[in-house]
């Protein structure tokens, strides 16, 4: 599996998130690829100076066009790293650096994940995650390194001007959950020490 370090819009490499491209074997009958291989996963992380973490939970979501989920993250003691892939349709997947000691704090990277390109996005602990559904429907699977914890779950606004995420505009106004509609701005969580040290 090949891994690519993503860069911000102004060309800065963001240390942590990786765009993974599996080797896909296809012919007129269809295709086959390894979507998960623990040994290969550990090798990828080691090549990029990251610690291998065990996954403990798999999640599956289905969304209609224009649904925006995020930007979500979990604080210690139950922070989550996520390995995300889209198995039906296409999404615009975003990672935001929320590590206070990081030189790229508050910066973001994104990737188009789809059933066509088979790519996966790795978001280590310390990143907020969100995605916008670009196709009529999208099904997203992701592995998490810790269990969901209501007490530790947090979110920041998808349209925070400080983040200035360039979301695709071809789907109209995003459809949000009631929780995501009232998420705080990054400046508001900064004052409450709701980020990663």
N, C-alpha and C. Protein backbone atom coordinates (compact mmCIF):
# COMPACT_ATOMS: atom_id res chain seq x y z
N UNK A 1 0.84 -1.18 0.00
CA UNK A 1 0.00 0.00 0.00
C UNK A 1 0.88 1.24 0.00
N UNK A 2 0.59 2.17 -0.89
CA UNK A 2 1.35 3.40 -0.97
C UNK A 2 0.70 4.45 -0.09
N UNK A 3 1.53 5.31 0.50
CA UNK A 3 1.02 6.37 1.37
C UNK A 3 1.60 7.70 0.93
N UNK A 4 0.75 8.72 0.93
CA UNK A 4 1.15 10.06 0.50
C UNK A 4 0.86 11.05 1.64
N UNK A 5 1.87 11.88 1.96
CA UNK A 5 1.68 12.94 2.93
C UNK A 5 0.92 14.06 2.24
N UNK A 6 -0.17 14.52 2.84
CA UNK A 6 -0.99 15.56 2.23
C UNK A 6 -0.44 16.94 2.55
N UNK A 7 -0.70 17.88 1.65
CA UNK A 7 -0.26 19.26 1.86
C UNK A 7 -1.46 20.19 1.90
N UNK A 8 -1.29 21.30 2.59
CA UNK A 8 -2.33 22.31 2.68
C UNK A 8 -2.41 23.05 1.34
N UNK A 9 -3.39 23.93 1.20
CA UNK A 9 -3.55 24.69 -0.04
C UNK A 9 -2.33 25.53 -0.37
N UNK A 10 -1.62 25.99 0.68
CA UNK A 10 -0.41 26.78 0.42
C UNK A 10 0.86 25.94 0.40
N UNK A 11 0.69 24.62 0.24
CA UNK A 11 1.82 23.74 0.00
C UNK A 11 2.57 23.25 1.21
N UNK A 12 2.07 23.48 2.41
CA UNK A 12 2.73 23.01 3.63
C UNK A 12 2.34 21.56 3.88
N UNK A 13 3.36 20.71 4.12
CA UNK A 13 3.07 19.31 4.45
C UNK A 13 2.51 19.23 5.86
N UNK A 14 1.42 18.53 6.01
CA UNK A 14 0.77 18.37 7.31
C UNK A 14 1.20 17.03 7.89
N UNK A 15 1.98 17.07 8.93
CA UNK A 15 2.52 15.86 9.54
C UNK A 15 1.42 15.10 10.27
N UNK A 16 1.12 13.90 9.81
CA UNK A 16 0.12 13.06 10.48
C UNK A 16 -0.80 12.37 9.51
N UNK A 17 -1.75 13.11 8.88
CA UNK A 17 -2.67 12.45 7.96
C UNK A 17 -1.95 11.86 6.75
N UNK A 18 -2.42 10.71 6.31
CA UNK A 18 -1.84 10.04 5.15
C UNK A 18 -2.97 9.61 4.21
N UNK A 19 -2.76 9.79 2.92
CA UNK A 19 -3.68 9.29 1.90
C UNK A 19 -3.11 7.97 1.40
N UNK A 20 -3.86 6.90 1.60
CA UNK A 20 -3.39 5.55 1.28
C UNK A 20 -4.04 5.05 0.00
N UNK A 21 -3.23 4.46 -0.86
CA UNK A 21 -3.71 3.90 -2.13
C UNK A 21 -3.36 2.42 -2.17
N UNK A 22 -4.36 1.55 -2.05
CA UNK A 22 -4.07 0.12 -2.11
C UNK A 22 -3.79 -0.33 -3.54
N UNK A 23 -3.16 -1.49 -3.66
CA UNK A 23 -2.94 -2.08 -4.98
C UNK A 23 -4.21 -2.82 -5.37
N UNK A 24 -4.87 -2.33 -6.41
CA UNK A 24 -6.15 -2.90 -6.85
C UNK A 24 -5.91 -3.81 -8.04
N UNK A 25 -6.41 -5.03 -7.96
CA UNK A 25 -6.30 -6.00 -9.06
C UNK A 25 -7.68 -6.08 -9.72
N UNK A 26 -7.77 -5.69 -10.98
CA UNK A 26 -9.06 -5.68 -11.64
C UNK A 26 -9.01 -6.24 -13.04
N UNK A 27 -10.13 -6.75 -13.49
CA UNK A 27 -10.29 -7.20 -14.87
C UNK A 27 -11.77 -7.07 -15.22
N UNK A 28 -12.20 -7.71 -16.30
CA UNK A 28 -13.58 -7.57 -16.75
C UNK A 28 -14.59 -8.12 -15.73
N UNK A 29 -14.14 -8.93 -14.79
CA UNK A 29 -15.04 -9.51 -13.79
C UNK A 29 -15.29 -8.58 -12.61
N UNK A 30 -14.38 -7.61 -12.40
CA UNK A 30 -14.48 -6.73 -11.24
C UNK A 30 -13.10 -6.42 -10.69
N UNK A 31 -12.98 -6.33 -9.37
CA UNK A 31 -11.69 -6.00 -8.76
C UNK A 31 -11.55 -6.69 -7.42
N UNK A 32 -10.30 -6.70 -6.93
CA UNK A 32 -9.97 -7.22 -5.61
C UNK A 32 -8.84 -6.37 -5.06
N UNK A 33 -8.91 -6.04 -3.76
CA UNK A 33 -7.77 -5.42 -3.08
C UNK A 33 -7.90 -5.69 -1.59
N UNK A 34 -6.76 -5.62 -0.90
CA UNK A 34 -6.75 -5.73 0.56
C UNK A 34 -7.12 -4.38 1.13
N UNK A 35 -8.26 -4.30 1.78
CA UNK A 35 -8.66 -3.03 2.39
C UNK A 35 -8.05 -2.86 3.77
N UNK A 36 -7.58 -3.94 4.35
CA UNK A 36 -6.93 -3.87 5.66
C UNK A 36 -5.96 -5.03 5.81
N UNK A 37 -4.74 -4.70 6.20
CA UNK A 37 -3.71 -5.69 6.46
C UNK A 37 -2.87 -5.13 7.60
N UNK A 38 -2.91 -5.77 8.76
CA UNK A 38 -2.25 -5.22 9.93
C UNK A 38 -0.74 -5.05 9.73
N UNK A 39 -0.10 -6.04 9.15
CA UNK A 39 1.35 -5.95 8.93
C UNK A 39 1.68 -4.80 7.97
N UNK A 40 0.92 -4.70 6.88
CA UNK A 40 1.14 -3.61 5.93
C UNK A 40 0.88 -2.26 6.57
N UNK A 41 -0.15 -2.18 7.41
CA UNK A 41 -0.49 -0.94 8.11
C UNK A 41 0.65 -0.51 9.03
N UNK A 42 1.20 -1.45 9.79
CA UNK A 42 2.31 -1.13 10.68
C UNK A 42 3.53 -0.66 9.88
N UNK A 43 3.77 -1.25 8.72
CA UNK A 43 4.89 -0.83 7.88
C UNK A 43 4.69 0.59 7.37
N UNK A 44 3.48 0.92 6.94
CA UNK A 44 3.18 2.27 6.45
C UNK A 44 3.45 3.29 7.55
N UNK A 45 2.92 3.04 8.74
CA UNK A 45 3.11 3.99 9.83
C UNK A 45 4.57 4.13 10.22
N UNK A 46 5.29 3.01 10.26
CA UNK A 46 6.72 3.07 10.61
C UNK A 46 7.51 3.89 9.59
N UNK A 47 7.18 3.74 8.30
CA UNK A 47 7.87 4.52 7.26
C UNK A 47 7.64 6.02 7.41
N UNK A 48 6.54 6.38 8.06
CA UNK A 48 6.21 7.79 8.24
C UNK A 48 6.40 8.26 9.68
N UNK A 49 7.15 7.47 10.46
CA UNK A 49 7.50 7.86 11.82
C UNK A 49 6.35 7.92 12.79
N UNK A 50 5.32 7.11 12.55
CA UNK A 50 4.15 7.11 13.42
C UNK A 50 4.04 5.78 14.15
N UNK A 51 3.50 5.85 15.34
CA UNK A 51 3.31 4.67 16.17
C UNK A 51 2.10 3.87 15.69
N UNK A 52 2.26 2.56 15.62
CA UNK A 52 1.14 1.70 15.23
C UNK A 52 0.15 1.60 16.38
N UNK A 53 -1.11 1.83 16.06
CA UNK A 53 -2.18 1.74 17.05
C UNK A 53 -3.16 0.64 16.64
N UNK A 54 -3.78 0.02 17.63
CA UNK A 54 -4.77 -1.00 17.35
C UNK A 54 -6.14 -0.36 17.14
N UNK A 55 -6.90 -0.90 16.20
CA UNK A 55 -8.27 -0.45 15.99
C UNK A 55 -9.20 -1.28 16.86
N UNK A 56 -10.18 -0.62 17.47
CA UNK A 56 -11.09 -1.32 18.39
C UNK A 56 -12.55 -1.23 17.97
N UNK A 57 -12.86 -0.39 16.97
CA UNK A 57 -14.26 -0.18 16.59
C UNK A 57 -14.32 0.16 15.11
N UNK A 58 -15.30 -0.41 14.41
CA UNK A 58 -15.58 -0.06 13.01
C UNK A 58 -16.92 0.65 12.96
N UNK A 59 -16.99 1.73 12.17
CA UNK A 59 -18.23 2.50 12.01
C UNK A 59 -18.61 2.54 10.54
N UNK A 60 -19.91 2.65 10.27
CA UNK A 60 -20.44 2.66 8.91
C UNK A 60 -21.54 3.70 8.85
N UNK A 61 -21.40 4.67 7.95
CA UNK A 61 -22.46 5.68 7.79
C UNK A 61 -22.94 5.71 6.35
N UNK A 62 -24.19 6.10 6.18
CA UNK A 62 -24.77 6.31 4.85
C UNK A 62 -25.34 7.72 4.84
N UNK A 63 -25.04 8.47 3.79
CA UNK A 63 -25.47 9.86 3.69
C UNK A 63 -25.98 10.15 2.29
N UNK A 64 -26.88 11.12 2.20
CA UNK A 64 -27.36 11.58 0.91
C UNK A 64 -26.55 12.79 0.46
N UNK A 65 -26.70 13.16 -0.79
CA UNK A 65 -25.93 14.26 -1.37
C UNK A 65 -26.12 15.54 -0.55
N UNK A 66 -25.01 16.20 -0.26
CA UNK A 66 -25.05 17.45 0.47
C UNK A 66 -24.97 17.31 1.98
N UNK A 67 -25.00 16.09 2.51
CA UNK A 67 -24.85 15.91 3.96
C UNK A 67 -23.40 16.19 4.33
N UNK A 68 -23.23 17.03 5.35
CA UNK A 68 -21.90 17.32 5.88
C UNK A 68 -21.87 16.85 7.33
N UNK A 69 -20.93 15.98 7.62
CA UNK A 69 -20.76 15.45 8.98
C UNK A 69 -19.42 15.97 9.52
N UNK A 70 -19.46 16.67 10.65
CA UNK A 70 -18.21 17.14 11.22
C UNK A 70 -18.29 18.61 11.58
N UNK A 71 -17.21 19.03 12.11
CA UNK A 71 -15.88 18.47 12.28
C UNK A 71 -15.78 17.87 13.69
N UNK A 72 -15.62 16.57 13.79
CA UNK A 72 -15.69 15.85 15.06
C UNK A 72 -14.31 15.38 15.52
N UNK A 73 -14.17 15.28 16.85
CA UNK A 73 -12.96 14.71 17.44
C UNK A 73 -13.27 14.27 18.87
N UNK A 74 -12.40 13.44 19.44
CA UNK A 74 -12.54 13.00 20.82
C UNK A 74 -11.27 13.33 21.60
N UNK A 75 -11.46 13.86 22.79
CA UNK A 75 -10.35 14.23 23.67
C UNK A 75 -9.91 13.04 24.53
N UNK A 76 -8.67 13.09 25.07
CA UNK A 76 -8.28 12.11 26.06
C UNK A 76 -9.24 12.15 27.25
N UNK A 77 -9.50 11.03 27.90
CA UNK A 77 -8.72 9.80 27.81
C UNK A 77 -9.13 8.84 26.69
N UNK A 78 -10.01 9.25 25.78
CA UNK A 78 -10.45 8.37 24.70
C UNK A 78 -10.29 9.01 23.33
N UNK A 79 -9.08 9.50 23.00
CA UNK A 79 -8.91 10.11 21.68
C UNK A 79 -8.96 9.04 20.60
N UNK A 80 -9.42 9.43 19.42
CA UNK A 80 -9.56 8.47 18.33
C UNK A 80 -8.69 8.86 17.14
N UNK A 81 -7.93 7.90 16.65
CA UNK A 81 -7.38 7.97 15.31
C UNK A 81 -8.38 7.25 14.41
N UNK A 82 -8.50 7.69 13.15
CA UNK A 82 -9.49 7.09 12.25
C UNK A 82 -8.87 6.77 10.90
N UNK A 83 -9.24 5.62 10.36
CA UNK A 83 -8.87 5.21 9.01
C UNK A 83 -10.17 5.16 8.21
N UNK A 84 -10.33 6.09 7.26
CA UNK A 84 -11.62 6.33 6.60
C UNK A 84 -11.57 5.90 5.14
N UNK A 85 -12.65 5.26 4.67
CA UNK A 85 -12.78 4.97 3.24
C UNK A 85 -14.24 5.06 2.83
N UNK A 86 -14.45 5.36 1.57
CA UNK A 86 -15.79 5.47 1.00
C UNK A 86 -16.02 4.28 0.09
N UNK A 87 -17.04 3.47 0.38
CA UNK A 87 -17.27 2.25 -0.39
C UNK A 87 -18.43 2.37 -1.36
N UNK A 88 -19.18 3.47 -1.28
CA UNK A 88 -20.25 3.75 -2.23
C UNK A 88 -20.30 5.26 -2.43
N UNK A 89 -20.21 5.70 -3.68
CA UNK A 89 -20.28 7.13 -3.96
C UNK A 89 -18.96 7.85 -3.76
N UNK A 90 -19.04 9.14 -3.40
CA UNK A 90 -17.85 9.98 -3.25
C UNK A 90 -18.05 11.01 -2.16
N UNK A 91 -16.98 11.26 -1.40
CA UNK A 91 -17.01 12.28 -0.36
C UNK A 91 -15.77 13.17 -0.48
N UNK A 92 -15.89 14.36 0.08
CA UNK A 92 -14.77 15.28 0.27
C UNK A 92 -14.44 15.20 1.75
N UNK A 93 -13.29 14.58 2.08
CA UNK A 93 -12.94 14.24 3.45
C UNK A 93 -11.88 15.20 3.97
N UNK A 94 -12.08 15.73 5.17
CA UNK A 94 -11.23 16.80 5.71
C UNK A 94 -10.64 16.41 7.06
N UNK A 95 -9.37 16.78 7.26
CA UNK A 95 -8.68 16.63 8.54
C UNK A 95 -8.15 17.99 8.97
N UNK A 96 -8.42 18.39 10.21
CA UNK A 96 -7.97 19.67 10.76
C UNK A 96 -7.05 19.40 11.94
N UNK A 97 -5.86 20.00 11.92
CA UNK A 97 -4.87 19.83 12.97
C UNK A 97 -5.29 20.60 14.21
N UNK A 98 -5.56 19.89 15.31
CA UNK A 98 -5.95 20.52 16.57
C UNK A 98 -4.92 20.29 17.67
N UNK A 99 -3.68 19.99 17.28
CA UNK A 99 -2.60 19.80 18.25
C UNK A 99 -1.99 21.16 18.55
N UNK A 100 -2.17 21.63 19.78
CA UNK A 100 -1.74 22.98 20.15
C UNK A 100 -0.25 23.20 19.95
N UNK A 101 0.56 22.17 20.11
CA UNK A 101 2.01 22.32 19.96
C UNK A 101 2.49 22.10 18.53
N UNK A 102 1.59 21.92 17.59
CA UNK A 102 1.96 21.64 16.21
C UNK A 102 2.20 22.94 15.44
N UNK A 103 3.24 22.98 14.59
CA UNK A 103 3.45 24.17 13.75
C UNK A 103 2.35 24.37 12.71
N UNK A 104 1.52 23.34 12.50
CA UNK A 104 0.42 23.46 11.53
C UNK A 104 -0.94 23.48 12.24
N UNK A 105 -0.94 23.89 13.51
CA UNK A 105 -2.20 23.97 14.27
C UNK A 105 -3.21 24.82 13.50
N UNK A 106 -4.45 24.31 13.39
CA UNK A 106 -5.52 25.05 12.73
C UNK A 106 -5.53 24.93 11.22
N UNK A 107 -4.56 24.21 10.65
CA UNK A 107 -4.55 24.04 9.20
C UNK A 107 -5.23 22.71 8.84
N UNK A 108 -5.62 22.60 7.58
CA UNK A 108 -6.41 21.45 7.15
C UNK A 108 -5.90 20.90 5.82
N UNK A 109 -6.23 19.64 5.62
CA UNK A 109 -6.00 18.96 4.34
C UNK A 109 -7.27 18.20 4.00
N UNK A 110 -7.41 17.88 2.72
CA UNK A 110 -8.62 17.16 2.27
C UNK A 110 -8.28 16.21 1.14
N UNK A 111 -9.15 15.24 0.97
CA UNK A 111 -9.00 14.27 -0.13
C UNK A 111 -10.38 13.86 -0.60
N UNK A 112 -10.49 13.58 -1.89
CA UNK A 112 -11.71 13.00 -2.44
C UNK A 112 -11.58 11.48 -2.29
N UNK A 113 -12.44 10.89 -1.48
CA UNK A 113 -12.47 9.44 -1.32
C UNK A 113 -13.70 8.93 -2.04
N UNK A 114 -13.53 7.84 -2.78
CA UNK A 114 -14.67 7.31 -3.53
C UNK A 114 -14.58 5.81 -3.70
N UNK A 115 -15.70 5.22 -4.11
CA UNK A 115 -15.73 3.80 -4.44
C UNK A 115 -14.88 3.53 -5.67
N UNK A 116 -14.66 4.56 -6.48
CA UNK A 116 -13.86 4.41 -7.71
C UNK A 116 -12.37 4.40 -7.43
N UNK A 117 -11.89 5.31 -6.56
CA UNK A 117 -10.43 5.40 -6.36
C UNK A 117 -9.91 4.51 -5.23
N UNK A 118 -10.80 3.97 -4.39
CA UNK A 118 -10.44 3.01 -3.33
C UNK A 118 -9.47 3.57 -2.31
N UNK A 119 -9.24 4.86 -2.27
CA UNK A 119 -8.26 5.43 -1.35
C UNK A 119 -8.82 5.51 0.07
N UNK A 120 -7.89 5.56 1.03
CA UNK A 120 -8.24 5.67 2.44
C UNK A 120 -7.51 6.87 3.01
N UNK A 121 -8.11 7.51 4.00
CA UNK A 121 -7.46 8.63 4.68
C UNK A 121 -7.24 8.26 6.13
N UNK A 122 -5.98 8.37 6.56
CA UNK A 122 -5.62 8.13 7.96
C UNK A 122 -5.55 9.47 8.68
N UNK A 123 -6.30 9.58 9.78
CA UNK A 123 -6.27 10.77 10.63
C UNK A 123 -5.82 10.32 12.02
N UNK A 124 -4.59 10.65 12.40
CA UNK A 124 -4.14 10.24 13.73
C UNK A 124 -4.84 11.05 14.82
N UNK A 125 -4.61 10.65 16.06
CA UNK A 125 -5.12 11.39 17.21
C UNK A 125 -4.65 12.84 17.10
N UNK A 126 -5.54 13.77 17.43
CA UNK A 126 -5.18 15.19 17.40
C UNK A 126 -5.78 15.93 16.22
N UNK A 127 -6.60 15.26 15.43
CA UNK A 127 -7.22 15.87 14.26
C UNK A 127 -8.74 15.79 14.35
N UNK A 128 -9.39 16.88 13.93
CA UNK A 128 -10.84 16.85 13.75
C UNK A 128 -11.12 16.29 12.36
N UNK A 129 -12.27 15.65 12.22
CA UNK A 129 -12.62 14.99 10.97
C UNK A 129 -14.02 15.39 10.53
N UNK A 130 -14.18 15.60 9.24
CA UNK A 130 -15.49 15.86 8.68
C UNK A 130 -15.51 15.50 7.21
N UNK A 131 -16.72 15.28 6.67
CA UNK A 131 -16.80 15.02 5.23
C UNK A 131 -18.11 15.53 4.67
N UNK A 132 -18.08 15.85 3.39
CA UNK A 132 -19.24 16.30 2.64
C UNK A 132 -19.54 15.26 1.57
N UNK A 133 -20.80 14.83 1.48
CA UNK A 133 -21.21 13.84 0.48
C UNK A 133 -21.42 14.53 -0.86
N UNK A 134 -20.71 14.05 -1.89
CA UNK A 134 -20.76 14.65 -3.21
C UNK A 134 -21.66 13.89 -4.18
N UNK A 135 -21.91 12.62 -3.93
CA UNK A 135 -22.72 11.78 -4.82
C UNK A 135 -24.14 11.67 -4.28
N UNK A 136 -25.02 11.05 -5.04
CA UNK A 136 -26.41 10.89 -4.60
C UNK A 136 -26.50 10.23 -3.23
N UNK A 137 -25.67 9.23 -3.02
CA UNK A 137 -25.53 8.56 -1.73
C UNK A 137 -24.06 8.23 -1.55
N UNK A 138 -23.65 8.14 -0.30
CA UNK A 138 -22.28 7.68 0.00
C UNK A 138 -22.32 6.84 1.26
N UNK A 139 -21.56 5.75 1.23
CA UNK A 139 -21.39 4.94 2.42
C UNK A 139 -19.92 5.00 2.81
N UNK A 140 -19.70 5.34 4.06
CA UNK A 140 -18.34 5.56 4.58
C UNK A 140 -18.09 4.57 5.71
N UNK A 141 -16.96 3.89 5.64
CA UNK A 141 -16.53 2.98 6.69
C UNK A 141 -15.28 3.56 7.32
N UNK A 142 -15.20 3.50 8.65
CA UNK A 142 -13.94 3.89 9.25
C UNK A 142 -13.65 3.08 10.50
N UNK A 143 -12.36 2.83 10.66
CA UNK A 143 -11.85 2.13 11.82
C UNK A 143 -11.40 3.17 12.83
N UNK A 144 -11.62 2.93 14.11
CA UNK A 144 -11.24 3.88 15.16
C UNK A 144 -10.34 3.20 16.18
N UNK A 145 -9.41 3.99 16.72
CA UNK A 145 -8.42 3.44 17.66
C UNK A 145 -8.91 3.46 19.11
N UNK A 146 -10.07 4.03 19.37
CA UNK A 146 -10.67 3.96 20.70
C UNK A 146 -12.19 3.96 20.54
N UNK A 147 -12.87 3.58 21.58
CA UNK A 147 -14.31 3.50 21.54
C UNK A 147 -14.93 4.89 21.60
N UNK A 148 -16.13 5.03 21.02
CA UNK A 148 -16.85 6.29 21.10
C UNK A 148 -17.15 6.60 22.55
N UNK A 149 -16.97 7.86 22.94
CA UNK A 149 -17.22 8.28 24.31
C UNK A 149 -18.00 9.59 24.28
N UNK A 150 -19.24 9.55 24.70
CA UNK A 150 -20.09 10.74 24.70
C UNK A 150 -19.44 11.89 25.49
N UNK A 151 -18.82 11.56 26.62
CA UNK A 151 -18.24 12.60 27.48
C UNK A 151 -17.02 13.28 26.86
N UNK A 152 -16.35 12.59 25.94
CA UNK A 152 -15.11 13.13 25.37
C UNK A 152 -15.29 13.62 23.94
N UNK A 153 -16.46 13.41 23.35
CA UNK A 153 -16.69 13.83 21.97
C UNK A 153 -16.85 15.35 21.90
N UNK A 154 -16.21 15.95 20.89
CA UNK A 154 -16.28 17.39 20.67
C UNK A 154 -16.45 17.66 19.18
N UNK A 155 -16.77 18.90 18.85
CA UNK A 155 -16.90 19.31 17.45
C UNK A 155 -16.56 20.79 17.33
N UNK A 156 -16.12 21.18 16.14
CA UNK A 156 -15.96 22.59 15.81
C UNK A 156 -16.71 22.86 14.51
N UNK A 157 -17.02 24.13 14.28
CA UNK A 157 -17.84 24.53 13.15
C UNK A 157 -17.17 24.20 11.82
N UNK A 158 -17.94 23.62 10.92
CA UNK A 158 -17.48 23.25 9.58
C UNK A 158 -17.11 24.49 8.76
N UNK A 159 -17.77 25.63 9.05
CA UNK A 159 -17.56 26.84 8.27
C UNK A 159 -16.81 27.93 9.06
N UNK A 160 -16.02 27.52 10.03
CA UNK A 160 -15.25 28.47 10.84
C UNK A 160 -14.36 29.31 9.92
N UNK A 161 -14.49 30.63 9.93
CA UNK A 161 -13.68 31.46 9.04
C UNK A 161 -12.19 31.37 9.32
N UNK A 162 -11.83 31.05 10.57
CA UNK A 162 -10.40 30.91 10.89
C UNK A 162 -9.80 29.70 10.15
N UNK A 163 -10.58 28.64 10.00
CA UNK A 163 -10.10 27.45 9.28
C UNK A 163 -10.14 27.68 7.78
N UNK A 164 -11.16 28.37 7.29
CA UNK A 164 -11.32 28.70 5.87
C UNK A 164 -11.22 27.45 4.98
N UNK A 165 -11.95 26.41 5.34
CA UNK A 165 -11.97 25.19 4.53
C UNK A 165 -12.69 25.48 3.22
N UNK A 166 -12.09 25.06 2.13
CA UNK A 166 -12.68 25.26 0.81
C UNK A 166 -13.53 24.04 0.45
N UNK A 167 -14.76 24.04 0.94
CA UNK A 167 -15.67 22.93 0.66
C UNK A 167 -16.16 23.03 -0.78
N UNK A 168 -16.37 21.91 -1.46
CA UNK A 168 -16.97 21.96 -2.81
C UNK A 168 -18.33 22.63 -2.76
N UNK A 169 -18.62 23.44 -3.76
CA UNK A 169 -19.86 24.21 -3.77
C UNK A 169 -20.93 23.62 -4.68
N UNK A 170 -20.63 22.52 -5.35
CA UNK A 170 -21.56 22.00 -6.35
C UNK A 170 -22.73 21.21 -5.75
N UNK A 171 -22.83 21.14 -4.41
CA UNK A 171 -23.94 20.41 -3.80
C UNK A 171 -24.91 21.34 -3.08
N UNK A 172 -24.73 22.64 -3.19
CA UNK A 172 -25.62 23.59 -2.52
C UNK A 172 -25.30 23.72 -1.04
N UNK A 173 -26.28 24.19 -0.28
CA UNK A 173 -26.09 24.36 1.17
C UNK A 173 -26.00 22.99 1.84
N UNK A 174 -25.02 22.79 2.71
CA UNK A 174 -24.87 21.48 3.35
C UNK A 174 -26.01 21.17 4.31
N UNK A 175 -26.32 19.88 4.40
CA UNK A 175 -27.33 19.40 5.35
C UNK A 175 -26.58 18.94 6.61
N UNK A 176 -26.93 19.55 7.74
CA UNK A 176 -26.21 19.32 8.99
C UNK A 176 -27.11 18.68 10.03
N UNK A 177 -26.51 17.95 10.97
CA UNK A 177 -27.26 17.48 12.13
C UNK A 177 -27.50 18.68 13.05
N UNK A 178 -28.47 18.54 13.94
CA UNK A 178 -28.74 19.64 14.88
C UNK A 178 -27.52 19.91 15.76
N UNK A 179 -26.76 18.88 16.07
CA UNK A 179 -25.54 19.04 16.87
C UNK A 179 -24.48 19.83 16.10
N UNK A 180 -24.29 19.50 14.83
CA UNK A 180 -23.27 20.19 14.04
C UNK A 180 -23.65 21.63 13.74
N UNK A 181 -24.94 21.93 13.71
CA UNK A 181 -25.38 23.31 13.46
C UNK A 181 -24.95 24.27 14.56
N UNK A 182 -24.77 23.76 15.77
CA UNK A 182 -24.44 24.64 16.91
C UNK A 182 -23.03 24.40 17.45
N UNK A 183 -22.18 23.75 16.67
CA UNK A 183 -20.81 23.52 17.11
C UNK A 183 -20.09 24.85 17.30
N UNK A 184 -19.18 24.93 18.26
CA UNK A 184 -18.46 26.19 18.51
C UNK A 184 -17.38 26.45 17.47
N UNK A 185 -16.92 27.68 17.42
CA UNK A 185 -15.78 28.06 16.60
C UNK A 185 -14.50 27.60 17.28
N UNK A 186 -13.42 27.52 16.51
CA UNK A 186 -12.13 27.14 17.07
C UNK A 186 -11.72 28.10 18.18
N UNK A 187 -11.95 29.39 18.01
CA UNK A 187 -11.57 30.37 19.03
C UNK A 187 -12.30 30.11 20.34
N UNK A 188 -13.51 29.58 20.27
CA UNK A 188 -14.29 29.29 21.48
C UNK A 188 -13.76 28.07 22.21
N UNK A 189 -13.31 27.06 21.49
CA UNK A 189 -12.76 25.88 22.17
C UNK A 189 -11.34 26.14 22.65
N UNK A 190 -10.64 27.08 22.03
CA UNK A 190 -9.31 27.46 22.51
C UNK A 190 -9.37 27.99 23.93
N UNK A 191 -10.36 28.81 24.21
CA UNK A 191 -10.48 29.41 25.53
C UNK A 191 -10.91 28.38 26.58
N UNK A 192 -11.56 27.33 26.14
CA UNK A 192 -12.02 26.30 27.07
C UNK A 192 -11.06 25.13 27.20
N UNK A 193 -9.90 25.22 26.57
CA UNK A 193 -8.89 24.16 26.61
C UNK A 193 -9.49 22.81 26.22
N UNK A 194 -10.18 22.81 25.07
CA UNK A 194 -10.85 21.62 24.55
C UNK A 194 -10.08 21.01 23.39
N UNK A 195 -8.76 21.18 23.39
CA UNK A 195 -7.95 20.70 22.28
C UNK A 195 -6.88 19.75 22.79
N UNK A 196 -5.96 19.38 21.90
CA UNK A 196 -4.92 18.40 22.24
C UNK A 196 -3.64 19.12 22.63
N UNK A 197 -3.08 18.77 23.77
CA UNK A 197 -1.83 19.37 24.24
C UNK A 197 -0.63 18.64 23.69
